[in-house]
Amino acid sequence: MLRPAVAWGDNGAGRLGDGSTVRRSLPVTVQTSLDRVATFAAGDGFALAAG
């Protein structure tokens, strides 16, 4: 089952990928051009998605 990529966090520069700069404390669906995301990792100042 494929599920959408989600993200949460500070988002001050709009880097979550949800089209806003609003802080998100709960997961929101992010915009991506990837058809399938097999691995996703994130930390302080970085994010990585691999199909």
Protein backbone atom coordinates (compact mmCIF):
# COMPACT_ATOMS: atom_id res chain seq x y z
CA MET A 1 0.00 0.00 0.00
CA LEU A 2 1.42 3.38 -1.02
CA ARG A 3 1.01 6.20 1.45
CA PRO A 4 1.67 9.91 0.92
CA ALA A 5 4.84 11.49 2.25
CA VAL A 6 4.19 13.53 5.41
CA ALA A 7 6.22 16.07 7.36
CA TRP A 8 6.03 18.29 10.44
CA GLY A 9 8.22 20.86 12.14
CA ASP A 10 9.15 24.55 12.25
CA ASN A 11 8.65 25.25 8.50
CA GLY A 12 9.89 28.85 8.88
CA ALA A 13 11.31 28.89 5.34
CA GLY A 14 8.58 26.70 3.81
CA ARG A 15 10.80 23.63 3.64
CA LEU A 16 8.21 21.07 4.73
CA GLY A 17 6.77 20.97 1.23
CA ASP A 18 3.15 21.65 2.15
CA GLY A 19 3.05 25.02 0.36
CA SER A 20 3.07 27.12 3.56
CA THR A 21 5.40 28.58 6.18
CA VAL A 22 3.15 27.56 9.09
CA ARG A 23 4.70 25.56 11.97
CA ARG A 24 3.25 22.03 11.93
CA SER A 25 3.14 20.00 15.13
CA LEU A 26 1.12 17.23 13.46
CA PRO A 27 2.00 15.47 10.17
CA VAL A 28 0.74 17.07 6.94
CA THR A 29 0.88 15.66 3.41
CA VAL A 30 3.75 17.14 1.44
CA GLN A 31 3.98 17.91 -2.25
CA THR A 32 6.42 15.69 -4.12
CA SER A 33 7.06 14.56 -7.68
CA LEU A 34 8.12 11.09 -6.50
CA ASP A 35 5.73 8.28 -7.44
CA ARG A 36 6.95 5.99 -4.68
CA VAL A 37 8.93 6.77 -1.56
CA ALA A 38 10.76 3.75 -0.18
CA THR A 39 12.96 5.57 2.34
CA PHE A 40 12.59 8.92 4.03
CA ALA A 41 14.81 10.41 6.72
CA ALA A 42 14.91 13.85 8.31
CA GLY A 43 16.68 15.66 11.09
CA ASP A 44 17.71 19.10 12.23
CA GLY A 45 18.12 21.01 8.98
CA PHE A 46 17.88 18.18 6.45
CA ALA A 47 15.50 15.79 4.71
CA LEU A 48 16.09 12.91 2.30
CA ALA A 49 13.61 10.90 0.23
CA ALA A 50 14.60 7.95 -1.93
CA GLY A 51 12.31 6.14 -4.34
